[in-house]
N, C-alpha and C. Protein backbone atom coordinates (compact mmCIF):
# COMPACT_ATOMS: atom_id res chain seq x y z
N MET A 1 4.30 -20.99 10.73
CA MET A 1 4.61 -19.30 10.45
C MET A 1 3.42 -18.16 11.42
N GLY A 2 2.25 -18.25 11.80
CA GLY A 2 0.99 -18.08 12.49
C GLY A 2 1.01 -16.81 11.91
N MET A 3 -0.18 -16.41 11.88
CA MET A 3 -0.93 -15.18 11.66
C MET A 3 0.17 -13.88 11.67
N ILE A 4 0.14 -13.01 10.88
CA ILE A 4 1.12 -12.29 10.47
C ILE A 4 0.77 -10.65 9.55
N PHE A 5 -0.53 -11.21 9.21
CA PHE A 5 -1.44 -9.65 8.98
C PHE A 5 -2.20 -9.30 10.04
N THR A 6 -2.06 -7.89 10.31
CA THR A 6 -3.25 -7.35 11.06
C THR A 6 -3.32 -7.94 12.52
N GLN A 7 -1.89 -7.99 13.33
CA GLN A 7 -2.02 -8.87 14.50
C GLN A 7 -2.59 -7.39 15.61
N ASN A 8 -3.19 -8.06 16.50
CA ASN A 8 -3.73 -7.55 17.49
C ASN A 8 -3.19 -7.08 18.33
N LYS A 9 -1.70 -6.73 18.68
CA LYS A 9 -1.62 -6.03 19.34
C LYS A 9 -0.65 -4.68 18.75
N GLN A 10 -0.79 -4.78 16.90
CA GLN A 10 -0.75 -3.28 16.21
C GLN A 10 -1.15 -2.59 16.04
N LYS A 11 -2.64 -3.16 16.65
CA LYS A 11 -3.73 -1.95 16.52
C LYS A 11 -4.18 -0.62 16.69
N GLU A 12 -3.40 -0.78 18.04
CA GLU A 12 -2.98 0.70 18.33
C GLU A 12 -2.19 1.77 17.77
N LYS A 13 -1.13 1.60 17.31
CA LYS A 13 -0.17 1.15 16.67
C LYS A 13 -0.99 2.14 15.13
N ARG A 14 -1.19 1.02 14.58
CA ARG A 14 -2.04 1.28 13.43
C ARG A 14 -3.36 2.72 13.67
N ARG A 15 -3.90 2.36 14.10
CA ARG A 15 -4.94 3.32 15.22
C ARG A 15 -4.51 5.06 15.16
N LEU A 16 -3.23 5.09 15.53
CA LEU A 16 -2.38 6.09 15.67
C LEU A 16 -1.88 6.68 14.82
N LEU A 17 -1.48 6.01 13.89
CA LEU A 17 -0.90 5.93 12.57
C LEU A 17 -2.06 6.79 11.61
N ARG A 18 -3.06 6.41 11.58
CA ARG A 18 -4.10 6.41 11.01
C ARG A 18 -4.40 8.03 11.55
N GLN A 19 -4.34 8.51 12.34
CA GLN A 19 -4.82 9.56 13.44
C GLN A 19 -3.66 10.85 12.75
N GLN A 20 -2.70 10.53 12.91
CA GLN A 20 -1.63 11.16 11.89
C GLN A 20 -0.94 11.54 11.28
N MET A 21 -1.64 10.48 10.35
CA MET A 21 -0.97 10.55 8.60
C MET A 21 -0.50 12.50 8.27
N THR A 22 0.56 12.15 7.53
CA THR A 22 0.72 13.13 7.01
C THR A 22 -0.03 13.58 5.58
N LYS A 23 0.48 14.44 5.53
CA LYS A 23 -0.35 15.51 4.45
C LYS A 23 -0.10 14.36 3.96
N ALA A 24 1.27 14.19 2.76
CA ALA A 24 1.12 13.33 1.53
C ALA A 24 0.63 11.94 1.87
N GLU A 25 0.43 11.73 2.95
CA GLU A 25 -0.45 10.25 2.78
C GLU A 25 -1.97 10.82 2.80
N ILE A 26 -2.02 11.56 3.17
CA ILE A 26 -3.71 12.01 3.47
C ILE A 26 -4.37 12.50 1.65
N LEU A 27 -3.32 13.12 1.34
CA LEU A 27 -2.95 13.49 -0.41
C LEU A 27 -3.47 11.66 -0.81
N LEU A 28 -2.75 11.33 -0.85
CA LEU A 28 -3.05 9.67 -1.59
C LEU A 28 -3.87 9.05 -1.26
N TRP A 29 -4.19 9.70 -0.38
CA TRP A 29 -5.02 8.64 0.38
C TRP A 29 -6.53 8.32 -0.20
N VAL A 30 -7.04 10.18 -0.47
CA VAL A 30 -8.56 10.66 -1.35
C VAL A 30 -8.17 9.82 -2.41
N GLU A 31 -7.36 9.47 -3.02
CA GLU A 31 -7.12 8.91 -4.31
C GLU A 31 -7.64 7.09 -4.03
N LEU A 32 -6.75 6.87 -3.35
CA LEU A 32 -7.07 5.01 -2.99
C LEU A 32 -8.20 4.90 -2.18
N LYS A 33 -8.64 5.24 -1.28
CA LYS A 33 -9.88 4.70 -0.94
C LYS A 33 -10.82 4.56 -1.63
N ASP A 34 -12.13 4.36 -1.30
CA ASP A 34 -13.28 3.64 -1.52
C ASP A 34 -13.24 3.48 -3.19
N ARG A 35 -11.91 2.25 -3.48
CA ARG A 35 -11.72 1.97 -4.79
C ARG A 35 -11.98 2.14 -5.94
N LYS A 36 -10.94 3.43 -5.71
CA LYS A 36 -10.90 4.72 -7.19
C LYS A 36 -9.72 4.59 -8.13
N ILE A 37 -9.02 3.27 -7.54
CA ILE A 37 -8.05 2.88 -8.92
C ILE A 37 -8.38 1.58 -8.63
N LEU A 38 -8.75 1.22 -9.81
CA LEU A 38 -9.10 0.05 -11.11
C LEU A 38 -10.03 -1.00 -10.56
N GLY A 39 -10.98 0.06 -9.39
CA GLY A 39 -12.01 -0.97 -8.55
C GLY A 39 -11.20 -1.92 -7.15
N TYR A 40 -9.74 -1.48 -6.86
CA TYR A 40 -9.28 -2.36 -5.87
C TYR A 40 -9.32 -1.55 -4.82
N LYS A 41 -9.80 -2.62 -3.93
CA LYS A 41 -9.99 -1.68 -2.07
C LYS A 41 -8.22 -1.93 -1.57
N PHE A 42 -7.72 -0.86 -1.50
CA PHE A 42 -6.60 -0.10 -0.29
C PHE A 42 -7.19 -0.35 0.57
N ARG A 43 -6.15 -0.67 1.62
CA ARG A 43 -6.18 -0.20 3.38
C ARG A 43 -5.10 0.57 3.82
N ARG A 44 -5.57 1.08 4.72
CA ARG A 44 -3.65 1.87 5.23
C ARG A 44 -3.69 2.02 6.20
N GLN A 45 -2.68 2.28 6.69
CA GLN A 45 -1.80 1.36 7.70
C GLN A 45 -2.03 0.42 8.09
N PHE A 46 -2.02 -0.46 7.29
CA PHE A 46 -2.02 -2.23 7.32
C PHE A 46 -0.90 -2.93 7.97
N SER A 47 -0.68 -3.25 8.96
CA SER A 47 0.28 -4.24 9.46
C SER A 47 0.64 -5.80 9.09
N ILE A 48 1.58 -5.92 8.88
CA ILE A 48 2.48 -7.10 8.21
C ILE A 48 3.32 -7.43 9.25
N GLY A 49 3.11 -8.55 10.20
CA GLY A 49 4.62 -8.68 11.74
C GLY A 49 4.44 -7.39 11.68
N PHE A 50 5.53 -7.00 12.35
CA PHE A 50 5.31 -5.75 13.47
C PHE A 50 5.78 -4.55 12.72
N TYR A 51 5.22 -4.72 11.55
CA TYR A 51 5.61 -3.75 10.61
C TYR A 51 4.29 -2.73 9.94
N VAL A 52 4.10 -1.92 9.96
CA VAL A 52 2.55 -1.02 9.52
C VAL A 52 3.19 -0.51 7.74
N LEU A 53 2.67 -1.14 6.96
CA LEU A 53 2.85 -0.54 6.26
C LEU A 53 1.86 0.92 5.56
N ASP A 54 2.30 1.81 4.86
CA ASP A 54 1.23 3.07 4.74
C ASP A 54 0.21 2.30 3.76
N PHE A 55 -0.20 1.94 3.18
CA PHE A 55 -0.97 1.35 2.06
C PHE A 55 -1.03 0.06 2.25
N TYR A 56 -1.71 -0.51 1.87
CA TYR A 56 -1.87 -2.40 1.08
C TYR A 56 -2.68 -2.32 0.17
N CYS A 57 -2.93 -3.44 -0.78
CA CYS A 57 -4.07 -3.66 -1.22
C CYS A 57 -3.98 -5.53 -0.96
N PRO A 58 -4.55 -6.03 -0.10
CA PRO A 58 -4.61 -7.75 0.19
C PRO A 58 -4.86 -8.42 -1.07
N VAL A 59 -5.73 -7.94 -1.98
CA VAL A 59 -5.86 -8.77 -3.72
C VAL A 59 -5.02 -8.85 -4.55
N LEU A 60 -4.42 -7.52 -4.12
CA LEU A 60 -3.18 -7.74 -5.22
C LEU A 60 -1.59 -7.45 -4.99
N ARG A 61 -2.17 -7.82 -3.27
CA ARG A 61 -0.54 -7.94 -2.53
C ARG A 61 0.32 -6.99 -3.24
N LEU A 62 -0.42 -5.94 -2.79
CA LEU A 62 0.49 -4.67 -3.48
C LEU A 62 0.82 -3.94 -2.28
N ALA A 63 1.80 -3.07 -1.78
CA ALA A 63 1.64 -2.33 -0.44
C ALA A 63 2.31 -0.77 -1.45
N ILE A 64 2.00 0.20 -0.92
CA ILE A 64 2.40 1.81 -1.33
C ILE A 64 2.84 2.31 -0.10
N GLU A 65 4.49 2.84 -0.22
CA GLU A 65 5.22 3.39 1.53
C GLU A 65 4.81 5.11 0.48
N VAL A 66 5.04 5.79 1.45
CA VAL A 66 4.88 7.10 1.62
C VAL A 66 6.53 7.74 2.46
N ASP A 67 7.63 8.39 2.20
CA ASP A 67 8.33 8.50 2.26
C ASP A 67 8.88 9.67 2.69
N GLY A 68 9.08 10.35 4.20
CA GLY A 68 9.01 11.91 4.26
C GLY A 68 10.24 12.13 4.49
N ALA A 69 10.68 13.43 5.14
CA ALA A 69 11.75 13.27 4.89
C ALA A 69 12.70 12.76 6.26
N THR A 70 12.06 11.65 6.85
CA THR A 70 12.68 11.16 7.81
C THR A 70 13.05 9.96 7.52
N HIS A 71 13.09 9.72 5.97
CA HIS A 71 13.34 8.10 5.60
C HIS A 71 14.98 8.57 4.57
N ALA A 72 15.77 9.93 4.78
CA ALA A 72 16.53 10.59 4.30
C ALA A 72 17.83 9.80 4.49
N THR A 73 17.67 10.03 6.26
CA THR A 73 19.16 9.27 6.66
C THR A 73 19.75 7.53 6.25
N GLY A 74 21.00 7.52 6.30
CA GLY A 74 21.52 6.53 6.00
C GLY A 74 21.08 5.29 6.86
N GLU A 75 21.06 5.82 8.23
CA GLU A 75 20.18 3.90 8.64
C GLU A 75 18.76 3.93 8.91
N GLU A 76 18.11 5.49 8.50
CA GLU A 76 16.37 5.05 7.64
C GLU A 76 16.16 4.11 6.91
N ILE A 77 17.24 4.91 5.60
CA ILE A 77 17.22 4.24 4.14
C ILE A 77 17.87 2.60 4.14
N GLU A 78 18.75 2.42 5.15
CA GLU A 78 18.67 0.92 5.58
C GLU A 78 18.10 0.43 6.50
N TYR A 79 17.01 0.55 7.36
CA TYR A 79 15.99 -0.10 7.60
C TYR A 79 14.91 -0.02 6.52
N ASP A 80 14.92 0.84 6.24
CA ASP A 80 14.07 0.65 4.90
C ASP A 80 14.21 -0.42 4.08
N LYS A 81 15.42 -0.55 3.88
CA LYS A 81 15.59 -1.26 2.37
C LYS A 81 14.94 -3.31 3.33
N ASN A 82 15.52 -3.13 4.31
CA ASN A 82 15.62 -4.47 5.32
C ASN A 82 14.43 -4.66 5.07
N ARG A 83 13.65 -3.67 5.66
CA ARG A 83 12.20 -3.84 5.56
C ARG A 83 11.45 -4.10 4.48
N GLN A 84 11.71 -3.29 3.91
CA GLN A 84 11.09 -4.00 2.19
C GLN A 84 11.28 -5.84 1.73
N SER A 85 12.44 -5.96 2.10
CA SER A 85 13.04 -7.19 1.72
C SER A 85 12.23 -8.07 2.30
N GLU A 86 12.38 -7.70 3.76
CA GLU A 86 11.23 -8.78 4.39
C GLU A 86 10.03 -9.16 4.21
N ILE A 87 9.46 -7.70 3.70
CA ILE A 87 8.29 -8.03 3.67
C ILE A 87 8.11 -8.74 2.00
N GLU A 88 8.84 -8.01 1.15
CA GLU A 88 8.63 -8.82 -0.40
C GLU A 88 8.71 -10.38 -0.16
N ASN A 89 9.75 -11.28 0.70
CA ASN A 89 9.94 -12.22 1.18
C ASN A 89 8.42 -13.27 1.20
N LEU A 90 7.64 -12.14 1.10
CA LEU A 90 6.29 -12.96 1.32
C LEU A 90 5.62 -13.00 0.52
N GLY A 91 5.70 -12.38 -1.09
CA GLY A 91 5.02 -12.13 -2.16
C GLY A 91 4.18 -10.97 -2.10
N ILE A 92 5.09 -10.12 -1.08
CA ILE A 92 4.16 -8.57 -1.12
C ILE A 92 4.89 -8.26 -2.47
N LYS A 93 4.55 -7.31 -3.40
CA LYS A 93 4.96 -6.29 -4.19
C LYS A 93 5.04 -4.77 -3.73
N PHE A 94 6.09 -3.78 -3.68
CA PHE A 94 6.28 -2.59 -3.30
C PHE A 94 6.09 -1.30 -4.36
N LEU A 95 5.65 -0.38 -4.33
CA LEU A 95 5.74 0.68 -4.82
C LEU A 95 6.15 1.70 -3.40
N ARG A 96 6.70 2.96 -4.12
CA ARG A 96 7.58 3.75 -3.04
C ARG A 96 7.60 4.78 -3.53
N PHE A 97 7.09 5.69 -2.82
CA PHE A 97 7.02 7.52 -3.39
C PHE A 97 7.36 8.47 -2.08
N ASN A 98 8.18 9.53 -2.52
CA ASN A 98 8.08 10.24 -1.47
C ASN A 98 7.64 11.14 -1.24
N ASN A 99 7.41 12.13 -0.15
CA ASN A 99 6.33 13.64 -0.30
C ASN A 99 6.41 14.23 -1.04
N PHE A 100 7.40 14.44 -1.94
CA PHE A 100 7.76 16.10 -3.06
C PHE A 100 6.95 15.06 -4.13
N ASP A 101 6.58 14.08 -4.27
CA ASP A 101 6.44 13.40 -5.61
C ASP A 101 4.59 13.33 -5.39
N ILE A 102 4.49 13.27 -4.56
CA ILE A 102 2.71 13.40 -3.91
C ILE A 102 2.11 14.76 -4.64
N TYR A 103 3.19 15.84 -3.78
CA TYR A 103 2.36 17.19 -3.55
C TYR A 103 2.93 17.99 -5.05
N THR A 104 3.95 17.22 -6.08
CA THR A 104 4.15 17.99 -7.43
C THR A 104 3.68 17.50 -8.32
N ASN A 105 3.03 16.16 -8.35
CA ASN A 105 3.50 15.40 -9.16
C ASN A 105 2.01 13.73 -9.29
N LYS A 106 1.33 14.83 -8.14
CA LYS A 106 0.07 13.02 -7.88
C LYS A 106 0.00 12.75 -9.13
N GLU A 107 -0.77 13.30 -10.72
CA GLU A 107 -1.00 12.78 -11.46
C GLU A 107 0.01 11.38 -12.06
N ASN A 108 0.77 11.85 -11.64
CA ASN A 108 2.14 11.05 -12.41
C ASN A 108 2.32 9.20 -11.27
N VAL A 109 2.03 9.86 -9.59
CA VAL A 109 1.86 8.89 -8.45
C VAL A 109 0.76 8.38 -9.54
N ILE A 110 -0.23 8.25 -9.39
CA ILE A 110 -1.26 8.15 -9.31
C ILE A 110 -0.70 6.69 -10.45
N GLU A 111 -1.15 7.72 -11.73
CA GLU A 111 -0.25 6.89 -13.42
C GLU A 111 0.35 5.13 -13.18
N SER A 112 1.40 6.00 -12.34
CA SER A 112 2.65 4.27 -11.40
C SER A 112 2.00 3.28 -10.82
N ILE A 113 1.08 3.96 -9.70
CA ILE A 113 0.24 2.22 -9.49
C ILE A 113 -0.75 2.16 -10.37
N ILE A 114 -0.98 2.61 -11.08
CA ILE A 114 -2.10 1.84 -12.23
C ILE A 114 -1.17 1.17 -13.00
N ASP A 115 0.22 1.75 -13.47
CA ASP A 115 1.05 0.95 -14.39
C ASP A 115 1.37 0.16 -13.75
N LYS A 116 1.53 -0.25 -12.26
CA LYS A 116 1.87 -1.18 -11.57
C LYS A 116 1.07 -2.73 -11.54
N ILE A 117 0.06 -1.71 -11.06
CA ILE A 117 -1.25 -2.68 -11.28
C ILE A 117 -1.40 -3.48 -12.30
N ASN A 118 -1.44 -2.97 -13.45
CA ASN A 118 -1.60 -3.53 -14.58
C ASN A 118 -0.81 -4.64 -15.08
N GLU A 119 0.95 -4.40 -14.67
CA GLU A 119 2.10 -5.10 -15.39
C GLU A 119 1.47 -6.05 -14.15
N MET A 120 1.57 -6.14 -12.52
CA MET A 120 1.11 -7.59 -11.80
C MET A 120 0.30 -8.10 -13.20
N LEU A 121 -0.78 -7.90 -13.05
CA LEU A 121 -2.04 -8.21 -13.27
C LEU A 121 -1.70 -9.32 -14.57
N SER A 122 -0.80 -9.23 -15.46
CA SER A 122 0.07 -9.15 -16.35
C SER A 122 0.64 -10.95 -16.80
N ARG A 123 1.49 -10.36 -15.20
CA ARG A 123 2.29 -11.19 -15.58
C ARG A 123 1.64 -12.86 -14.97
N LYS A 124 0.86 -12.60 -14.24
CA LYS A 124 0.15 -13.53 -13.05
C LYS A 124 -1.24 -13.13 -13.14
N PRO A 125 -2.43 -13.77 -14.05
CA PRO A 125 -4.17 -12.71 -13.67
C PRO A 125 -4.81 -13.05 -12.31
N LEU A 126 -5.43 -12.93 -12.23
CA LEU A 126 -6.13 -12.88 -10.54
C LEU A 126 -6.92 -13.97 -10.96
N PRO A 127 -7.40 -14.83 -9.82
CA PRO A 127 -8.70 -15.64 -10.44
C PRO A 127 -9.74 -15.06 -10.86
N SER A 128 -10.26 -16.15 -11.57
CA SER A 128 -11.65 -14.66 -12.30
C SER A 128 -12.54 -14.21 -11.17
N ARG A 129 -13.04 -14.91 -10.08
CA ARG A 129 -13.95 -14.34 -9.21
C ARG A 129 -13.41 -12.50 -9.29
N PHE A 130 -12.05 -12.60 -9.20
CA PHE A 130 -11.62 -10.86 -9.44
C PHE A 130 -11.87 -10.15 -10.02
N HIS A 131 -12.62 -10.62 -11.51
CA HIS A 131 -12.78 -9.81 -12.54
C HIS A 131 -14.11 -9.96 -12.76
N ARG A 132 -15.05 -10.59 -12.33
CA ARG A 132 -16.36 -10.33 -12.57
C ARG A 132 -16.91 -9.44 -12.28
N GLU A 133 -17.97 -8.53 -13.20
CA GLU A 133 -18.20 -7.52 -12.75
C GLU A 133 -19.65 -7.42 -11.38
N ASP A 134 -19.92 -9.06 -11.24
CA ASP A 134 -20.46 -9.02 -10.28
C ASP A 134 -19.78 -8.85 -9.02
N SER A 135 -18.58 -9.21 -9.10
CA SER A 135 -17.27 -9.17 -7.88
C SER A 135 -17.69 -8.23 -6.55
N PRO A 136 -18.10 -8.91 -5.45
CA PRO A 136 -17.81 -7.67 -4.21
C PRO A 136 -16.60 -6.87 -4.71
N LEU A 137 -15.75 -7.61 -4.99
CA LEU A 137 -14.32 -6.70 -4.87
C LEU A 137 -14.71 -5.48 -6.07
N LEU A 138 -15.91 -5.49 -6.96
CA LEU A 138 -15.65 -4.20 -7.95
C LEU A 138 -17.13 -4.03 -7.75
N ARG A 139 -17.81 -4.22 -6.75
CA ARG A 139 -18.83 -3.23 -5.69
C ARG A 139 -18.87 -3.02 -4.81
N GLY A 140 -18.97 -1.44 -4.69
CA GLY A 140 -19.27 -0.39 -3.16
C GLY A 140 -19.91 -1.52 -2.21
N ARG A 141 -19.53 -1.44 -1.38
CA ARG A 141 -19.60 -2.21 -0.17
C ARG A 141 -20.64 -0.88 0.73
């Protein structure tokens, strides 16, 4: 299968996307960064294959996408559906929000993320090293 995560050939694209984050992405990133949600580290503009995810938690294998107006056309909706399906086939779960959700109801978006994490943990617990208080995942590095 080869290396599919954060390929070097995507480095410039990821850097550019981080520099050009939308307002909604920035608002959500403020809530995700620094392990603010249940102690889990999220990365922004993380690539899987030739796709770049808005946010990704490697430990949980959880992707979060923020859809703006450009995701409203039939062609874009179909592209997003196929893209998501390909990534989900790798065992990665998805959450999708639109800009309006983040602008108007950010608290509910955060609650949805927490609910999804709790649902994922209840179905398949992570190895004990991810739950220990002394785990590097729960300490600030």
